[in-house]
Amino acid sequence: MDYIETMVESDLIYDGRIIKVKNDTVRLHTGAIAKREVVVHNGGVGVIPIDADGNAYLVRQFRYPFGESVLEIPAGKLEIGEDPFECAVRELSEETGFTADEYTYLGRFYPTPGYCQETLHVYMARGLTAGKMHLDENEHLDVEKYPLKELVDMSMRGEILDAKTIIGILKANMVIFG
């Protein structure tokens, strides 16, 4: 399969605080020319914290694009050049107050490869120690505790809709329970 597309020209059409949007002209493997709209994002990291009793701690926050509160694993955006592990440690502490003795890398994935360059990394955190949350300005969320097995069932029933959360839950469940 050699369906490579080569960029001929790239026009930056939006340069925002979190994303950039490009309108690229590409040459297809056939020689034809096509357009590709691309969202450029630094990527992010999600962390699923699991306590000694098999409970996971998720955050519920209002997500404006959907107009609803969404249940998610703690997560945040990578700064340019930031190591994903360092981001995981920071976001876990900021959003839940937890520190962890052990982190397991559960992998990376492309959440929307059809138009976005974003890569997300997911970690599982264990050996939790409670502390104080320190949210970013204008960040408002609640921490909720669920048995990991219940989160698997909720994901399978379509009650959890966030992709990084579903992936984190299912991968953590596989690591812990096989």
N, C-alpha and C. Protein backbone atom coordinates (compact mmCIF):
# COMPACT_ATOMS: atom_id res chain seq x y z
N MET A 1 0.86 -1.18 0.00
CA MET A 1 0.00 0.00 0.00
C MET A 1 0.89 1.23 0.00
N ASP A 2 0.95 1.90 -1.11
CA ASP A 2 1.83 3.05 -1.26
C ASP A 2 1.02 4.27 -1.68
N TYR A 3 0.08 4.65 -0.85
CA TYR A 3 -0.82 5.76 -1.17
C TYR A 3 -0.34 7.05 -0.51
N ILE A 4 0.93 7.34 -0.64
CA ILE A 4 1.54 8.52 -0.01
C ILE A 4 0.99 9.80 -0.64
N GLU A 5 0.75 10.77 0.22
CA GLU A 5 0.37 12.11 -0.23
C GLU A 5 1.49 13.06 0.15
N THR A 6 1.92 13.89 -0.80
CA THR A 6 3.03 14.81 -0.57
C THR A 6 2.52 16.25 -0.58
N MET A 7 2.89 17.00 0.46
CA MET A 7 2.45 18.39 0.54
C MET A 7 3.12 19.22 -0.56
N VAL A 8 2.31 19.97 -1.27
CA VAL A 8 2.79 20.88 -2.30
C VAL A 8 2.83 22.30 -1.75
N GLU A 9 1.79 22.64 -0.99
CA GLU A 9 1.67 23.99 -0.44
C GLU A 9 0.86 23.91 0.84
N SER A 10 1.20 24.79 1.79
CA SER A 10 0.48 24.83 3.06
C SER A 10 0.16 26.27 3.41
N ASP A 11 -1.13 26.51 3.67
CA ASP A 11 -1.57 27.85 4.06
C ASP A 11 -2.12 27.80 5.48
N LEU A 12 -1.53 28.59 6.37
CA LEU A 12 -2.03 28.69 7.73
C LEU A 12 -3.25 29.60 7.71
N ILE A 13 -4.41 29.05 8.10
CA ILE A 13 -5.63 29.87 8.05
C ILE A 13 -6.12 30.28 9.43
N TYR A 14 -5.58 29.64 10.48
CA TYR A 14 -5.95 30.04 11.84
C TYR A 14 -4.80 29.67 12.77
N ASP A 15 -4.41 30.60 13.64
CA ASP A 15 -3.33 30.38 14.59
C ASP A 15 -3.84 30.75 15.97
N GLY A 16 -4.37 29.76 16.69
CA GLY A 16 -4.99 30.02 17.98
C GLY A 16 -4.10 29.64 19.15
N ARG A 17 -4.67 29.73 20.34
CA ARG A 17 -3.96 29.43 21.58
C ARG A 17 -3.72 27.92 21.74
N ILE A 18 -4.66 27.10 21.29
CA ILE A 18 -4.56 25.64 21.46
C ILE A 18 -4.33 24.92 20.14
N ILE A 19 -4.91 25.41 19.07
CA ILE A 19 -4.78 24.75 17.77
C ILE A 19 -4.39 25.75 16.69
N LYS A 20 -3.87 25.18 15.61
CA LYS A 20 -3.67 25.90 14.36
C LYS A 20 -4.44 25.13 13.31
N VAL A 21 -4.89 25.80 12.28
CA VAL A 21 -5.58 25.13 11.18
C VAL A 21 -4.87 25.50 9.89
N LYS A 22 -4.53 24.46 9.11
CA LYS A 22 -3.87 24.65 7.83
C LYS A 22 -4.77 24.14 6.71
N ASN A 23 -4.65 24.75 5.56
CA ASN A 23 -5.29 24.27 4.35
C ASN A 23 -4.16 23.88 3.41
N ASP A 24 -3.92 22.57 3.30
CA ASP A 24 -2.79 22.08 2.51
C ASP A 24 -3.24 21.61 1.14
N THR A 25 -2.37 21.83 0.17
CA THR A 25 -2.52 21.25 -1.16
C THR A 25 -1.55 20.08 -1.22
N VAL A 26 -2.05 18.90 -1.60
CA VAL A 26 -1.22 17.70 -1.65
C VAL A 26 -1.27 17.06 -3.03
N ARG A 27 -0.19 16.35 -3.33
CA ARG A 27 -0.16 15.54 -4.55
C ARG A 27 -0.38 14.09 -4.12
N LEU A 28 -1.41 13.47 -4.70
CA LEU A 28 -1.72 12.07 -4.41
C LEU A 28 -0.75 11.14 -5.14
N HIS A 29 -0.74 9.90 -4.76
CA HIS A 29 0.14 8.91 -5.39
C HIS A 29 -0.14 8.77 -6.89
N THR A 30 -1.32 9.18 -7.31
CA THR A 30 -1.70 9.11 -8.73
C THR A 30 -1.21 10.31 -9.52
N GLY A 31 -0.72 11.33 -8.80
CA GLY A 31 -0.30 12.58 -9.44
C GLY A 31 -1.37 13.66 -9.35
N ALA A 32 -2.60 13.28 -8.99
CA ALA A 32 -3.68 14.26 -8.86
C ALA A 32 -3.41 15.17 -7.67
N ILE A 33 -4.01 16.35 -7.72
CA ILE A 33 -3.89 17.35 -6.64
C ILE A 33 -5.18 17.33 -5.82
N ALA A 34 -5.04 17.45 -4.50
CA ALA A 34 -6.20 17.48 -3.62
C ALA A 34 -5.94 18.46 -2.47
N LYS A 35 -6.98 18.81 -1.75
CA LYS A 35 -6.89 19.70 -0.59
C LYS A 35 -7.07 18.88 0.68
N ARG A 36 -6.35 19.27 1.73
CA ARG A 36 -6.48 18.64 3.05
C ARG A 36 -6.51 19.75 4.10
N GLU A 37 -7.58 19.78 4.91
CA GLU A 37 -7.64 20.69 6.05
C GLU A 37 -7.06 19.94 7.24
N VAL A 38 -6.10 20.56 7.93
CA VAL A 38 -5.39 19.90 9.01
C VAL A 38 -5.41 20.76 10.27
N VAL A 39 -5.83 20.16 11.37
CA VAL A 39 -5.75 20.82 12.67
C VAL A 39 -4.43 20.38 13.30
N VAL A 40 -3.63 21.36 13.70
CA VAL A 40 -2.35 21.10 14.34
C VAL A 40 -2.53 21.31 15.84
N HIS A 41 -2.16 20.30 16.61
CA HIS A 41 -2.32 20.33 18.08
C HIS A 41 -1.08 19.68 18.68
N ASN A 42 -0.58 20.20 19.80
CA ASN A 42 0.63 19.65 20.43
C ASN A 42 0.45 18.26 20.98
N GLY A 43 -0.77 17.81 21.12
CA GLY A 43 -1.03 16.50 21.70
C GLY A 43 -1.33 16.61 23.18
N GLY A 44 -1.60 15.48 23.78
CA GLY A 44 -1.97 15.51 25.19
C GLY A 44 -1.71 14.18 25.85
N VAL A 45 -2.03 14.16 27.15
CA VAL A 45 -1.81 12.99 27.98
C VAL A 45 -3.01 12.79 28.87
N GLY A 46 -3.42 11.54 29.03
CA GLY A 46 -4.46 11.17 29.98
C GLY A 46 -3.90 10.18 30.97
N VAL A 47 -4.43 10.23 32.19
CA VAL A 47 -3.96 9.34 33.26
C VAL A 47 -5.16 8.71 33.93
N ILE A 48 -5.15 7.40 34.09
CA ILE A 48 -6.21 6.73 34.84
C ILE A 48 -5.63 6.29 36.17
N PRO A 49 -5.97 7.01 37.25
CA PRO A 49 -5.48 6.64 38.57
C PRO A 49 -6.32 5.52 39.19
N ILE A 50 -5.65 4.48 39.65
CA ILE A 50 -6.32 3.30 40.22
C ILE A 50 -5.80 3.09 41.64
N ASP A 51 -6.70 3.01 42.61
CA ASP A 51 -6.27 2.79 43.99
C ASP A 51 -6.11 1.30 44.29
N ALA A 52 -5.67 0.98 45.50
CA ALA A 52 -5.38 -0.40 45.90
C ALA A 52 -6.62 -1.29 45.88
N ASP A 53 -7.82 -0.69 45.95
CA ASP A 53 -9.07 -1.45 45.93
C ASP A 53 -9.66 -1.62 44.53
N GLY A 54 -8.95 -1.15 43.51
CA GLY A 54 -9.44 -1.28 42.14
C GLY A 54 -10.40 -0.19 41.72
N ASN A 55 -10.41 0.93 42.45
CA ASN A 55 -11.25 2.07 42.08
C ASN A 55 -10.45 3.05 41.22
N ALA A 56 -11.11 3.63 40.25
CA ALA A 56 -10.50 4.64 39.39
C ALA A 56 -11.11 5.99 39.73
N TYR A 57 -10.31 7.04 39.56
CA TYR A 57 -10.76 8.40 39.84
C TYR A 57 -10.80 9.17 38.53
N LEU A 58 -12.02 9.57 38.14
CA LEU A 58 -12.22 10.33 36.92
C LEU A 58 -12.70 11.73 37.27
N VAL A 59 -12.66 12.59 36.29
CA VAL A 59 -13.11 13.96 36.50
C VAL A 59 -14.32 14.22 35.62
N ARG A 60 -15.23 15.02 36.14
CA ARG A 60 -16.40 15.42 35.37
C ARG A 60 -16.31 16.93 35.18
N GLN A 61 -16.34 17.33 33.91
CA GLN A 61 -16.26 18.75 33.63
C GLN A 61 -17.14 19.11 32.43
N PHE A 62 -17.59 20.34 32.43
CA PHE A 62 -18.43 20.82 31.33
C PHE A 62 -17.57 20.99 30.09
N ARG A 63 -18.02 20.44 28.99
CA ARG A 63 -17.33 20.57 27.71
C ARG A 63 -18.20 21.39 26.77
N TYR A 64 -17.80 22.62 26.57
CA TYR A 64 -18.58 23.58 25.79
C TYR A 64 -18.98 23.08 24.39
N PRO A 65 -18.08 22.46 23.61
CA PRO A 65 -18.48 22.04 22.26
C PRO A 65 -19.69 21.11 22.25
N PHE A 66 -19.89 20.34 23.33
CA PHE A 66 -21.01 19.41 23.40
C PHE A 66 -22.14 19.91 24.27
N GLY A 67 -21.90 20.98 25.02
CA GLY A 67 -22.93 21.55 25.88
C GLY A 67 -23.35 20.64 27.01
N GLU A 68 -22.40 19.82 27.51
CA GLU A 68 -22.74 18.90 28.59
C GLU A 68 -21.50 18.60 29.43
N SER A 69 -21.75 18.05 30.62
CA SER A 69 -20.66 17.59 31.47
C SER A 69 -20.24 16.21 31.02
N VAL A 70 -18.93 16.01 30.93
CA VAL A 70 -18.38 14.78 30.39
C VAL A 70 -17.49 14.13 31.46
N LEU A 71 -17.62 12.81 31.61
CA LEU A 71 -16.79 12.04 32.53
C LEU A 71 -15.53 11.63 31.78
N GLU A 72 -14.36 11.98 32.33
CA GLU A 72 -13.09 11.76 31.65
C GLU A 72 -12.00 11.35 32.63
N ILE A 73 -10.96 10.72 32.11
CA ILE A 73 -9.76 10.53 32.91
C ILE A 73 -9.07 11.89 33.02
N PRO A 74 -8.33 12.14 34.10
CA PRO A 74 -7.58 13.39 34.18
C PRO A 74 -6.65 13.50 32.97
N ALA A 75 -6.58 14.68 32.38
CA ALA A 75 -5.80 14.83 31.15
C ALA A 75 -5.44 16.28 30.93
N GLY A 76 -4.49 16.47 30.06
CA GLY A 76 -4.10 17.83 29.70
C GLY A 76 -3.25 17.85 28.45
N LYS A 77 -3.03 19.05 28.00
CA LYS A 77 -2.31 19.31 26.76
C LYS A 77 -0.81 19.32 27.01
N LEU A 78 -0.07 18.74 26.09
CA LEU A 78 1.38 18.78 26.14
C LEU A 78 1.88 20.17 25.73
N GLU A 79 2.83 20.68 26.47
CA GLU A 79 3.52 21.90 26.05
C GLU A 79 4.53 21.49 24.97
N ILE A 80 4.93 22.42 24.13
CA ILE A 80 5.89 22.11 23.06
C ILE A 80 7.17 21.56 23.70
N GLY A 81 7.58 20.37 23.26
CA GLY A 81 8.80 19.74 23.74
C GLY A 81 8.67 19.03 25.07
N GLU A 82 7.49 19.05 25.69
CA GLU A 82 7.31 18.43 27.00
C GLU A 82 7.27 16.90 26.88
N ASP A 83 7.88 16.22 27.83
CA ASP A 83 7.84 14.78 27.89
C ASP A 83 6.45 14.33 28.34
N PRO A 84 5.84 13.37 27.66
CA PRO A 84 4.49 12.93 28.05
C PRO A 84 4.39 12.45 29.50
N PHE A 85 5.43 11.77 30.01
CA PHE A 85 5.39 11.31 31.39
C PHE A 85 5.30 12.50 32.36
N GLU A 86 6.09 13.53 32.12
CA GLU A 86 6.06 14.72 32.99
C GLU A 86 4.68 15.38 32.94
N CYS A 87 4.06 15.39 31.78
CA CYS A 87 2.71 15.94 31.64
C CYS A 87 1.72 15.09 32.44
N ALA A 88 1.89 13.77 32.40
CA ALA A 88 0.99 12.87 33.14
C ALA A 88 1.08 13.15 34.64
N VAL A 89 2.29 13.28 35.16
CA VAL A 89 2.49 13.56 36.58
C VAL A 89 1.84 14.89 36.95
N ARG A 90 2.06 15.90 36.12
CA ARG A 90 1.51 17.24 36.38
C ARG A 90 -0.01 17.23 36.36
N GLU A 91 -0.61 16.63 35.34
CA GLU A 91 -2.06 16.66 35.21
C GLU A 91 -2.75 15.85 36.31
N LEU A 92 -2.17 14.72 36.69
CA LEU A 92 -2.75 13.94 37.78
C LEU A 92 -2.79 14.78 39.05
N SER A 93 -1.71 15.45 39.36
CA SER A 93 -1.65 16.28 40.56
C SER A 93 -2.60 17.47 40.47
N GLU A 94 -2.58 18.17 39.34
CA GLU A 94 -3.44 19.36 39.17
C GLU A 94 -4.91 19.02 39.31
N GLU A 95 -5.36 17.97 38.62
CA GLU A 95 -6.79 17.70 38.51
C GLU A 95 -7.36 16.84 39.63
N THR A 96 -6.52 16.05 40.30
CA THR A 96 -7.04 15.19 41.37
C THR A 96 -6.36 15.42 42.71
N GLY A 97 -5.19 16.01 42.71
CA GLY A 97 -4.40 16.15 43.93
C GLY A 97 -3.54 14.93 44.22
N PHE A 98 -3.70 13.86 43.45
CA PHE A 98 -2.95 12.63 43.70
C PHE A 98 -1.51 12.73 43.19
N THR A 99 -0.63 12.05 43.92
CA THR A 99 0.67 11.66 43.39
C THR A 99 0.64 10.14 43.34
N ALA A 100 1.55 9.57 42.55
CA ALA A 100 1.55 8.11 42.37
C ALA A 100 2.97 7.57 42.49
N ASP A 101 3.07 6.36 43.03
CA ASP A 101 4.36 5.68 43.14
C ASP A 101 4.74 4.97 41.84
N GLU A 102 3.74 4.63 41.03
CA GLU A 102 3.98 3.81 39.85
C GLU A 102 3.13 4.30 38.69
N TYR A 103 3.77 4.46 37.55
CA TYR A 103 3.07 4.81 36.32
C TYR A 103 3.34 3.72 35.29
N THR A 104 2.30 3.30 34.60
CA THR A 104 2.44 2.33 33.52
C THR A 104 1.98 3.00 32.24
N TYR A 105 2.85 3.01 31.25
CA TYR A 105 2.49 3.60 29.96
C TYR A 105 1.57 2.64 29.22
N LEU A 106 0.38 3.11 28.86
CA LEU A 106 -0.60 2.27 28.18
C LEU A 106 -0.61 2.50 26.67
N GLY A 107 0.20 3.42 26.18
CA GLY A 107 0.33 3.63 24.74
C GLY A 107 -0.13 4.99 24.27
N ARG A 108 -0.05 5.13 22.97
CA ARG A 108 -0.47 6.38 22.31
C ARG A 108 -1.46 6.04 21.22
N PHE A 109 -2.22 7.05 20.81
CA PHE A 109 -3.19 6.85 19.72
C PHE A 109 -3.51 8.18 19.07
N TYR A 110 -4.07 8.10 17.87
CA TYR A 110 -4.51 9.27 17.11
C TYR A 110 -6.02 9.36 17.25
N PRO A 111 -6.54 10.35 17.99
CA PRO A 111 -7.99 10.41 18.21
C PRO A 111 -8.81 10.75 16.97
N THR A 112 -8.28 11.58 16.08
CA THR A 112 -9.04 11.97 14.89
C THR A 112 -8.09 12.10 13.69
N PRO A 113 -7.57 10.98 13.16
CA PRO A 113 -6.54 11.05 12.13
C PRO A 113 -6.99 11.58 10.78
N GLY A 114 -8.29 11.72 10.57
CA GLY A 114 -8.77 12.21 9.29
C GLY A 114 -8.49 13.69 9.06
N TYR A 115 -8.30 14.45 10.12
CA TYR A 115 -8.07 15.89 9.95
C TYR A 115 -7.20 16.53 11.03
N CYS A 116 -6.73 15.75 12.01
CA CYS A 116 -6.00 16.35 13.12
C CYS A 116 -4.71 15.60 13.39
N GLN A 117 -3.63 16.35 13.67
CA GLN A 117 -2.32 15.77 13.95
C GLN A 117 -2.15 15.37 15.41
N GLU A 118 -3.15 15.54 16.24
CA GLU A 118 -3.03 15.28 17.67
C GLU A 118 -2.70 13.82 17.96
N THR A 119 -1.74 13.62 18.87
CA THR A 119 -1.41 12.31 19.41
C THR A 119 -1.68 12.36 20.91
N LEU A 120 -2.38 11.38 21.44
CA LEU A 120 -2.63 11.29 22.87
C LEU A 120 -1.88 10.10 23.45
N HIS A 121 -1.32 10.31 24.65
CA HIS A 121 -0.63 9.28 25.40
C HIS A 121 -1.48 8.97 26.63
N VAL A 122 -1.52 7.69 27.03
CA VAL A 122 -2.31 7.30 28.20
C VAL A 122 -1.42 6.53 29.17
N TYR A 123 -1.56 6.89 30.45
CA TYR A 123 -0.84 6.23 31.53
C TYR A 123 -1.85 5.71 32.56
N MET A 124 -1.43 4.68 33.29
CA MET A 124 -2.16 4.25 34.47
C MET A 124 -1.27 4.60 35.66
N ALA A 125 -1.88 5.17 36.70
CA ALA A 125 -1.14 5.54 37.91
C ALA A 125 -1.63 4.69 39.07
N ARG A 126 -0.68 4.14 39.83
CA ARG A 126 -1.03 3.32 41.00
C ARG A 126 -0.14 3.72 42.17
N GLY A 127 -0.49 3.23 43.35
CA GLY A 127 0.23 3.65 44.55
C GLY A 127 -0.07 5.10 44.85
N LEU A 128 -1.36 5.42 44.90
CA LEU A 128 -1.81 6.81 45.01
C LEU A 128 -1.67 7.36 46.43
N THR A 129 -1.29 8.63 46.49
CA THR A 129 -1.28 9.40 47.74
C THR A 129 -2.11 10.65 47.50
N ALA A 130 -3.10 10.87 48.36
CA ALA A 130 -3.99 12.02 48.21
C ALA A 130 -3.26 13.32 48.57
N GLY A 131 -3.64 14.36 47.89
CA GLY A 131 -3.10 15.70 48.14
C GLY A 131 -4.14 16.73 47.75
N LYS A 132 -3.70 17.92 47.49
CA LYS A 132 -4.59 19.03 47.17
C LYS A 132 -4.56 19.31 45.67
N MET A 133 -5.76 19.44 45.09
CA MET A 133 -5.87 19.82 43.68
C MET A 133 -5.36 21.24 43.50
N HIS A 134 -4.83 21.53 42.33
CA HIS A 134 -4.45 22.89 41.98
C HIS A 134 -4.75 23.11 40.50
N LEU A 135 -6.03 23.41 40.27
CA LEU A 135 -6.56 23.55 38.91
C LEU A 135 -6.04 24.82 38.25
N ASP A 136 -6.01 24.77 36.91
CA ASP A 136 -5.69 25.97 36.15
C ASP A 136 -6.80 27.00 36.32
N GLU A 137 -6.47 28.25 36.06
CA GLU A 137 -7.48 29.30 36.11
C GLU A 137 -8.59 28.97 35.11
N ASN A 138 -9.81 29.15 35.50
CA ASN A 138 -10.99 28.87 34.68
C ASN A 138 -11.20 27.38 34.42
N GLU A 139 -10.58 26.52 35.21
CA GLU A 139 -10.81 25.08 35.11
C GLU A 139 -11.67 24.67 36.30
N HIS A 140 -12.79 24.04 36.03
CA HIS A 140 -13.73 23.64 37.08
C HIS A 140 -14.13 22.19 36.83
N LEU A 141 -13.91 21.33 37.83
CA LEU A 141 -14.25 19.93 37.66
C LEU A 141 -14.46 19.28 39.01
N ASP A 142 -15.12 18.14 38.98
CA ASP A 142 -15.32 17.32 40.17
C ASP A 142 -14.64 15.98 39.95
N VAL A 143 -14.05 15.44 41.01
CA VAL A 143 -13.43 14.12 40.96
C VAL A 143 -14.46 13.10 41.44
N GLU A 144 -14.61 12.01 40.67
CA GLU A 144 -15.57 10.96 41.00
C GLU A 144 -14.85 9.61 41.03
N LYS A 145 -15.20 8.78 42.01
CA LYS A 145 -14.58 7.47 42.18
C LYS A 145 -15.54 6.38 41.72
N TYR A 146 -15.00 5.43 40.92
CA TYR A 146 -15.78 4.30 40.41
C TYR A 146 -14.92 3.04 40.45
N PRO A 147 -15.53 1.90 40.72
CA PRO A 147 -14.78 0.65 40.52
C PRO A 147 -14.42 0.52 39.03
N LEU A 148 -13.19 0.09 38.76
CA LEU A 148 -12.75 -0.02 37.37
C LEU A 148 -13.69 -0.91 36.57
N LYS A 149 -14.14 -2.01 37.14
CA LYS A 149 -15.05 -2.92 36.42
C LYS A 149 -16.36 -2.21 36.04
N GLU A 150 -16.85 -1.33 36.91
CA GLU A 150 -18.06 -0.56 36.59
C GLU A 150 -17.81 0.38 35.42
N LEU A 151 -16.62 0.97 35.37
CA LEU A 151 -16.28 1.87 34.25
C LEU A 151 -16.21 1.11 32.93
N VAL A 152 -15.72 -0.13 32.98
CA VAL A 152 -15.71 -0.96 31.77
C VAL A 152 -17.14 -1.16 31.29
N ASP A 153 -18.04 -1.52 32.20
CA ASP A 153 -19.44 -1.73 31.83
C ASP A 153 -20.07 -0.44 31.30
N MET A 154 -19.78 0.68 31.95
CA MET A 154 -20.31 1.97 31.51
C MET A 154 -19.81 2.30 30.10
N SER A 155 -18.54 2.00 29.83
CA SER A 155 -17.97 2.25 28.50
C SER A 155 -18.67 1.39 27.45
N MET A 156 -18.90 0.13 27.77
CA MET A 156 -19.53 -0.78 26.83
C MET A 156 -21.00 -0.44 26.58
N ARG A 157 -21.66 0.16 27.57
CA ARG A 157 -23.06 0.56 27.40
C ARG A 157 -23.20 1.93 26.72
N GLY A 158 -22.09 2.58 26.43
CA GLY A 158 -22.14 3.88 25.77
C GLY A 158 -22.41 5.03 26.72
N GLU A 159 -22.20 4.82 28.01
CA GLU A 159 -22.42 5.88 28.99
C GLU A 159 -21.20 6.79 29.14
N ILE A 160 -20.05 6.32 28.70
CA ILE A 160 -18.84 7.13 28.65
C ILE A 160 -18.54 7.33 27.18
N LEU A 161 -18.38 8.58 26.76
CA LEU A 161 -18.24 8.88 25.34
C LEU A 161 -16.87 9.42 24.95
N ASP A 162 -16.06 9.81 25.91
CA ASP A 162 -14.75 10.37 25.61
C ASP A 162 -13.78 9.25 25.22
N ALA A 163 -13.16 9.38 24.04
CA ALA A 163 -12.32 8.31 23.50
C ALA A 163 -11.11 8.00 24.38
N LYS A 164 -10.41 9.02 24.85
CA LYS A 164 -9.22 8.75 25.66
C LYS A 164 -9.59 8.04 26.95
N THR A 165 -10.77 8.35 27.47
CA THR A 165 -11.24 7.72 28.70
C THR A 165 -11.59 6.26 28.46
N ILE A 166 -12.30 5.98 27.40
CA ILE A 166 -12.64 4.60 27.06
C ILE A 166 -11.37 3.78 26.84
N ILE A 167 -10.44 4.33 26.09
CA ILE A 167 -9.18 3.62 25.84
C ILE A 167 -8.43 3.39 27.14
N GLY A 168 -8.32 4.41 27.98
CA GLY A 168 -7.63 4.26 29.25
C GLY A 168 -8.28 3.22 30.14
N ILE A 169 -9.60 3.23 30.22
CA ILE A 169 -10.34 2.26 31.04
C ILE A 169 -10.10 0.84 30.54
N LEU A 170 -10.28 0.63 29.25
CA LEU A 170 -10.16 -0.73 28.71
C LEU A 170 -8.72 -1.25 28.79
N LYS A 171 -7.75 -0.38 28.54
CA LYS A 171 -6.35 -0.83 28.63
C LYS A 171 -5.95 -1.09 30.08
N ALA A 172 -6.35 -0.22 30.99
CA ALA A 172 -6.04 -0.44 32.41
C ALA A 172 -6.67 -1.74 32.89
N ASN A 173 -7.90 -2.00 32.49
CA ASN A 173 -8.58 -3.23 32.87
C ASN A 173 -7.81 -4.45 32.36
N MET A 174 -7.32 -4.38 31.14
CA MET A 174 -6.55 -5.51 30.57
C MET A 174 -5.24 -5.72 31.33
N VAL A 175 -4.57 -4.63 31.69
CA VAL A 175 -3.31 -4.75 32.41
C VAL A 175 -3.54 -5.37 33.80
N ILE A 176 -4.59 -4.93 34.48
CA ILE A 176 -4.83 -5.39 35.83
C ILE A 176 -5.48 -6.77 35.88
N PHE A 177 -6.50 -6.97 35.04
CA PHE A 177 -7.29 -8.20 35.13
C PHE A 177 -7.06 -9.20 33.99
N GLY A 178 -6.29 -8.77 32.98
CA GLY A 178 -5.98 -9.67 31.87
C GLY A 178 -7.04 -9.82 30.85
